[in-house]
Protein backbone atom coordinates (compact mmCIF):
# COMPACT_ATOMS: atom_id res chain seq x y z
CA UNK A 1 0.00 0.00 0.00
CA UNK A 2 2.90 2.27 0.76
CA UNK A 3 4.38 1.62 -2.69
CA UNK A 4 1.07 2.68 -4.26
CA UNK A 5 0.81 5.84 -2.15
CA UNK A 6 -2.27 4.62 -0.28
CA UNK A 7 -2.62 5.94 3.25
CA UNK A 8 -3.36 3.41 5.94
CA UNK A 9 -3.33 2.91 9.67
CA UNK A 10 -1.33 0.03 11.07
CA UNK A 11 -2.33 -1.37 14.44
CA UNK A 12 0.11 -3.70 16.16
CA UNK A 13 -1.67 -6.16 18.44
CA UNK A 14 1.62 -7.18 20.07
CA UNK A 15 2.37 -3.71 21.40
CA UNK A 16 -1.12 -2.25 21.76
CA UNK A 17 -3.64 -3.85 24.12
CA UNK A 18 -6.29 -1.53 22.65
CA UNK A 19 -5.64 -2.85 19.14
CA UNK A 20 -5.82 -6.44 20.43
CA UNK A 21 -9.18 -5.74 22.11
CA UNK A 22 -10.50 -4.08 18.95
CA UNK A 23 -9.51 -7.09 16.83
CA UNK A 24 -11.11 -9.52 19.24
CA UNK A 25 -14.30 -7.43 19.48
CA UNK A 26 -14.59 -7.78 15.70
CA UNK A 27 -14.54 -11.56 16.16
CA UNK A 28 -11.03 -12.12 14.80
CA UNK A 29 -8.29 -14.08 16.51
CA UNK A 30 -5.55 -13.85 13.88
CA UNK A 31 -3.81 -11.32 11.72
CA UNK A 32 -3.64 -9.69 9.32
CA UNK A 33 -7.10 -8.21 9.11
CA UNK A 34 -7.28 -5.55 6.41
CA UNK A 35 -10.32 -3.31 6.14
CA UNK A 36 -10.92 -1.44 2.89
CA UNK A 37 -14.08 0.67 2.63
CA UNK A 38 -15.73 -1.42 5.35
CA UNK A 39 -14.84 -4.73 3.67
CA UNK A 40 -12.82 -7.05 5.91
CA UNK A 41 -10.10 -9.21 4.43
CA UNK A 42 -8.83 -11.86 6.83
CA UNK A 43 -5.35 -13.05 5.93
CA UNK A 44 -3.23 -11.68 3.12
CA UNK A 45 -5.25 -11.78 -0.11
CA UNK A 46 -3.40 -9.58 -2.59
CA UNK A 47 -5.88 -10.06 -5.43
CA UNK A 48 -8.85 -9.12 -3.21
CA UNK A 49 -6.97 -6.06 -1.92
CA UNK A 50 -6.21 -4.92 -5.47
CA UNK A 51 -9.82 -5.50 -6.47
CA UNK A 52 -11.11 -3.32 -3.63
CA UNK A 53 -8.51 -0.61 -4.20
CA UNK A 54 -9.24 -0.24 -7.92
PDB file of N, CA and C in Angstrom:
ATOM      1  N   UNK A   1       0.831  -1.172   0.000  1.00  0.00           N
ATOM      2  CA  UNK A   1       0.000   0.000   0.000  1.00  0.00           C
ATOM      3  C   UNK A   1       0.884   1.246   0.000  1.00  0.00           C
ATOM      4  N   UNK A   2       1.976   1.145   0.714  1.00  0.00           N
ATOM      5  CA  UNK A   2       2.900   2.272   0.759  1.00  0.00           C
ATOM      6  C   UNK A   2       3.484   2.540  -0.622  1.00  0.00           C
ATOM      7  N   UNK A   3       3.827   1.472  -1.343  1.00  0.00           N
ATOM      8  CA  UNK A   3       4.376   1.615  -2.695  1.00  0.00           C
ATOM      9  C   UNK A   3       3.397   2.296  -3.640  1.00  0.00           C
ATOM     10  N   UNK A   4       2.098   2.106  -3.396  1.00  0.00           N
ATOM     11  CA  UNK A   4       1.074   2.683  -4.263  1.00  0.00           C
ATOM     12  C   UNK A   4       0.597   4.045  -3.769  1.00  0.00           C
ATOM     13  N   UNK A   5       1.188   4.535  -2.673  1.00  0.00           N
ATOM     14  CA  UNK A   5       0.811   5.836  -2.146  1.00  0.00           C
ATOM     15  C   UNK A   5      -0.540   5.863  -1.463  1.00  0.00           C
ATOM     16  N   UNK A   6      -0.971   4.722  -0.948  1.00  0.00           N
ATOM     17  CA  UNK A   6      -2.268   4.622  -0.285  1.00  0.00           C
ATOM     18  C   UNK A   6      -2.046   4.796   1.215  1.00  0.00           C
ATOM     19  N   UNK A   7      -2.762   5.740   1.806  1.00  0.00           N
ATOM     20  CA  UNK A   7      -2.617   5.945   3.245  1.00  0.00           C
ATOM     21  C   UNK A   7      -3.339   4.827   3.995  1.00  0.00           C
ATOM     22  N   UNK A   8      -2.791   4.477   5.133  1.00  0.00           N
ATOM     23  CA  UNK A   8      -3.364   3.411   5.938  1.00  0.00           C
ATOM     24  C   UNK A   8      -2.959   3.603   7.392  1.00  0.00           C
ATOM     25  N   UNK A   9      -3.659   2.915   8.260  1.00  0.00           N
ATOM     26  CA  UNK A   9      -3.334   2.914   9.674  1.00  0.00           C
ATOM     27  C   UNK A   9      -2.966   1.497  10.060  1.00  0.00           C
ATOM     28  N   UNK A  10      -1.784   1.343  10.613  1.00  0.00           N
ATOM     29  CA  UNK A  10      -1.328   0.030  11.067  1.00  0.00           C
ATOM     30  C   UNK A  10      -1.523  -0.056  12.573  1.00  0.00           C
ATOM     31  N   UNK A  11      -2.115  -1.145  13.015  1.00  0.00           N
ATOM     32  CA  UNK A  11      -2.325  -1.366  14.444  1.00  0.00           C
ATOM     33  C   UNK A  11      -1.635  -2.663  14.823  1.00  0.00           C
ATOM     34  N   UNK A  12      -0.692  -2.557  15.752  1.00  0.00           N
ATOM     35  CA  UNK A  12       0.110  -3.702  16.162  1.00  0.00           C
ATOM     36  C   UNK A  12      -0.487  -4.315  17.422  1.00  0.00           C
ATOM     37  N   UNK A  13      -1.020  -5.525  17.299  1.00  0.00           N
ATOM     38  CA  UNK A  13      -1.669  -6.158  18.445  1.00  0.00           C
ATOM     39  C   UNK A  13      -0.667  -6.657  19.476  1.00  0.00           C
ATOM     40  N   UNK A  14       0.599  -6.748  19.107  1.00  0.00           N
ATOM     41  CA  UNK A  14       1.616  -7.183  20.073  1.00  0.00           C
ATOM     42  C   UNK A  14       2.003  -6.066  21.026  1.00  0.00           C
ATOM     43  N   UNK A  15       1.933  -4.833  20.568  1.00  0.00           N
ATOM     44  CA  UNK A  15       2.370  -3.713  21.398  1.00  0.00           C
ATOM     45  C   UNK A  15       1.220  -2.847  21.886  1.00  0.00           C
ATOM     46  N   UNK A  16       0.021  -3.085  21.377  1.00  0.00           N
ATOM     47  CA  UNK A  16      -1.117  -2.252  21.758  1.00  0.00           C
ATOM     48  C   UNK A  16      -2.279  -3.104  22.274  1.00  0.00           C
ATOM     49  N   UNK A  17      -2.495  -3.098  23.592  1.00  0.00           N
ATOM     50  CA  UNK A  17      -3.645  -3.851  24.121  1.00  0.00           C
ATOM     51  C   UNK A  17      -4.974  -3.364  23.544  1.00  0.00           C
ATOM     52  N   UNK A  18      -5.057  -2.074  23.232  1.00  0.00           N
ATOM     53  CA  UNK A  18      -6.293  -1.530  22.653  1.00  0.00           C
ATOM     54  C   UNK A  18      -6.556  -2.137  21.271  1.00  0.00           C
ATOM     55  N   UNK A  19      -5.500  -2.252  20.478  1.00  0.00           N
ATOM     56  CA  UNK A  19      -5.640  -2.847  19.142  1.00  0.00           C
ATOM     57  C   UNK A  19      -6.047  -4.312  19.248  1.00  0.00           C
ATOM     58  N   UNK A  20      -5.479  -5.021  20.224  1.00  0.00           N
ATOM     59  CA  UNK A  20      -5.824  -6.441  20.430  1.00  0.00           C
ATOM     60  C   UNK A  20      -7.304  -6.571  20.803  1.00  0.00           C
ATOM     61  N   UNK A  21      -7.772  -5.710  21.705  1.00  0.00           N
ATOM     62  CA  UNK A  21      -9.181  -5.742  22.111  1.00  0.00           C
ATOM     63  C   UNK A  21     -10.094  -5.423  20.933  1.00  0.00           C
ATOM     64  N   UNK A  22      -9.696  -4.449  20.130  1.00  0.00           N
ATOM     65  CA  UNK A  22     -10.498  -4.079  18.953  1.00  0.00           C
ATOM     66  C   UNK A  22     -10.619  -5.256  17.992  1.00  0.00           C
ATOM     67  N   UNK A  23      -9.512  -5.929  17.730  1.00  0.00           N
ATOM     68  CA  UNK A  23      -9.510  -7.085  16.830  1.00  0.00           C
ATOM     69  C   UNK A  23     -10.427  -8.186  17.364  1.00  0.00           C
ATOM     70  N   UNK A  24     -10.299  -8.471  18.644  1.00  0.00           N
ATOM     71  CA  UNK A  24     -11.113  -9.523  19.244  1.00  0.00           C
ATOM     72  C   UNK A  24     -12.590  -9.137  19.266  1.00  0.00           C
ATOM     73  N   UNK A  25     -12.897  -7.858  19.465  1.00  0.00           N
ATOM     74  CA  UNK A  25     -14.305  -7.435  19.484  1.00  0.00           C
ATOM     75  C   UNK A  25     -14.939  -7.564  18.104  1.00  0.00           C
ATOM     76  N   UNK A  26     -14.097  -7.588  17.067  1.00  0.00           N
ATOM     77  CA  UNK A  26     -14.592  -7.778  15.701  1.00  0.00           C
ATOM     78  C   UNK A  26     -14.784  -9.260  15.394  1.00  0.00           C
ATOM     79  N   UNK A  27     -14.369 -10.127  16.334  1.00  0.00           N
ATOM     80  CA  UNK A  27     -14.536 -11.560  16.155  1.00  0.00           C
ATOM     81  C   UNK A  27     -13.351 -12.243  15.502  1.00  0.00           C
ATOM     82  N   UNK A  28     -12.225 -11.548  15.426  1.00  0.00           N
ATOM     83  CA  UNK A  28     -11.029 -12.119  14.796  1.00  0.00           C
ATOM     84  C   UNK A  28     -10.014 -12.520  15.852  1.00  0.00           C
ATOM     85  N   UNK A  29      -9.317 -13.603  15.585  1.00  0.00           N
ATOM     86  CA  UNK A  29      -8.291 -14.077  16.515  1.00  0.00           C
ATOM     87  C   UNK A  29      -6.911 -14.099  15.867  1.00  0.00           C
ATOM     88  N   UNK A  30      -6.836 -13.819  14.581  1.00  0.00           N
ATOM     89  CA  UNK A  30      -5.553 -13.850  13.880  1.00  0.00           C
ATOM     90  C   UNK A  30      -5.364 -12.605  13.047  1.00  0.00           C
ATOM     91  N   UNK A  31      -4.169 -12.470  12.552  1.00  0.00           N
ATOM     92  CA  UNK A  31      -3.814 -11.316  11.717  1.00  0.00           C
ATOM     93  C   UNK A  31      -3.187 -11.813  10.426  1.00  0.00           C
ATOM     94  N   UNK A  32      -3.149 -11.050   9.393  1.00  0.00           N
ATOM     95  CA  UNK A  32      -3.643  -9.689   9.323  1.00  0.00           C
ATOM     96  C   UNK A  32      -5.140  -9.643   9.043  1.00  0.00           C
ATOM     97  N   UNK A  33      -5.733  -8.554   9.489  1.00  0.00           N
ATOM     98  CA  UNK A  33      -7.102  -8.208   9.109  1.00  0.00           C
ATOM     99  C   UNK A  33      -6.987  -6.851   8.436  1.00  0.00           C
ATOM    100  N   UNK A  34      -7.384  -6.782   7.196  1.00  0.00           N
ATOM    101  CA  UNK A  34      -7.284  -5.551   6.411  1.00  0.00           C
ATOM    102  C   UNK A  34      -8.702  -5.097   6.085  1.00  0.00           C
ATOM    103  N   UNK A  35      -8.990  -3.843   6.383  1.00  0.00           N
ATOM    104  CA  UNK A  35     -10.322  -3.311   6.138  1.00  0.00           C
ATOM    105  C   UNK A  35     -10.214  -2.215   5.086  1.00  0.00           C
ATOM    106  N   UNK A  36     -10.910  -2.410   3.985  1.00  0.00           N
ATOM    107  CA  UNK A  36     -10.918  -1.436   2.887  1.00  0.00           C
ATOM    108  C   UNK A  36     -12.369  -1.080   2.611  1.00  0.00           C
ATOM    109  N   UNK A  37     -12.699   0.178   2.832  1.00  0.00           N
ATOM    110  CA  UNK A  37     -14.080   0.668   2.635  1.00  0.00           C
ATOM    111  C   UNK A  37     -15.106  -0.215   3.338  1.00  0.00           C
ATOM    112  N   UNK A  38     -14.799  -0.618   4.564  1.00  0.00           N
ATOM    113  CA  UNK A  38     -15.726  -1.417   5.351  1.00  0.00           C
ATOM    114  C   UNK A  38     -15.687  -2.905   5.064  1.00  0.00           C
ATOM    115  N   UNK A  39     -14.968  -3.305   4.042  1.00  0.00           N
ATOM    116  CA  UNK A  39     -14.845  -4.733   3.671  1.00  0.00           C
ATOM    117  C   UNK A  39     -13.646  -5.326   4.407  1.00  0.00           C
ATOM    118  N   UNK A  40     -13.892  -6.405   5.156  1.00  0.00           N
ATOM    119  CA  UNK A  40     -12.823  -7.048   5.915  1.00  0.00           C
ATOM    120  C   UNK A  40     -12.188  -8.161   5.100  1.00  0.00           C
ATOM    121  N   UNK A  41     -10.868  -8.141   5.063  1.00  0.00           N
ATOM    122  CA  UNK A  41     -10.097  -9.210   4.428  1.00  0.00           C
ATOM    123  C   UNK A  41      -9.301  -9.863   5.540  1.00  0.00           C
ATOM    124  N   UNK A  42      -9.541 -11.133   5.795  1.00  0.00           N
ATOM    125  CA  UNK A  42      -8.828 -11.857   6.831  1.00  0.00           C
ATOM    126  C   UNK A  42      -7.733 -12.669   6.158  1.00  0.00           C
ATOM    127  N   UNK A  43      -6.502 -12.434   6.579  1.00  0.00           N
ATOM    128  CA  UNK A  43      -5.350 -13.049   5.926  1.00  0.00           C
ATOM    129  C   UNK A  43      -4.890 -12.156   4.792  1.00  0.00           C
ATOM    130  N   UNK A  44      -3.771 -12.488   4.212  1.00  0.00           N
ATOM    131  CA  UNK A  44      -3.234 -11.679   3.117  1.00  0.00           C
ATOM    132  C   UNK A  44      -3.777 -12.200   1.796  1.00  0.00           C
ATOM    133  N   UNK A  45      -4.643 -11.421   1.174  1.00  0.00           N
ATOM    134  CA  UNK A  45      -5.254 -11.777  -0.110  1.00  0.00           C
ATOM    135  C   UNK A  45      -4.989 -10.624  -1.076  1.00  0.00           C
ATOM    136  N   UNK A  46      -3.837 -10.679  -1.729  1.00  0.00           N
ATOM    137  CA  UNK A  46      -3.400  -9.583  -2.595  1.00  0.00           C
ATOM    138  C   UNK A  46      -4.400  -9.280  -3.701  1.00  0.00           C
ATOM    139  N   UNK A  47      -4.950 -10.299  -4.332  1.00  0.00           N
ATOM    140  CA  UNK A  47      -5.881 -10.061  -5.429  1.00  0.00           C
ATOM    141  C   UNK A  47      -7.151  -9.366  -4.937  1.00  0.00           C
ATOM    142  N   UNK A  48      -7.645  -9.765  -3.767  1.00  0.00           N
ATOM    143  CA  UNK A  48      -8.851  -9.122  -3.212  1.00  0.00           C
ATOM    144  C   UNK A  48      -8.553  -7.659  -2.837  1.00  0.00           C
ATOM    145  N   UNK A  49      -7.368  -7.417  -2.270  1.00  0.00           N
ATOM    146  CA  UNK A  49      -6.974  -6.062  -1.919  1.00  0.00           C
ATOM    147  C   UNK A  49      -6.930  -5.180  -3.171  1.00  0.00           C
ATOM    148  N   UNK A  50      -6.308  -5.691  -4.221  1.00  0.00           N
ATOM    149  CA  UNK A  50      -6.212  -4.916  -5.468  1.00  0.00           C
ATOM    150  C   UNK A  50      -7.586  -4.654  -6.061  1.00  0.00           C
ATOM    151  N   UNK A  51      -8.455  -5.645  -5.963  1.00  0.00           N
ATOM    152  CA  UNK A  51      -9.824  -5.498  -6.472  1.00  0.00           C
ATOM    153  C   UNK A  51     -10.554  -4.385  -5.730  1.00  0.00           C
ATOM    154  N   UNK A  52     -10.433  -4.343  -4.415  1.00  0.00           N
ATOM    155  CA  UNK A  52     -11.110  -3.319  -3.626  1.00  0.00           C
ATOM    156  C   UNK A  52     -10.482  -1.934  -3.790  1.00  0.00           C
ATOM    157  N   UNK A  53      -9.197  -1.893  -4.069  1.00  0.00           N
ATOM    158  CA  UNK A  53      -8.512  -0.610  -4.197  1.00  0.00           C
ATOM    159  C   UNK A  53      -8.656   0.013  -5.591  1.00  0.00           C
ATOM    160  N   UNK A  54      -9.090  -0.766  -6.563  1.00  0.00           N
ATOM    161  CA  UNK A  54      -9.241  -0.236  -7.924  1.00  0.00           C
ATOM    162  C   UNK A  54     -10.638   0.226  -8.228  1.00  0.00           C
TER     163      UNK A  54
END
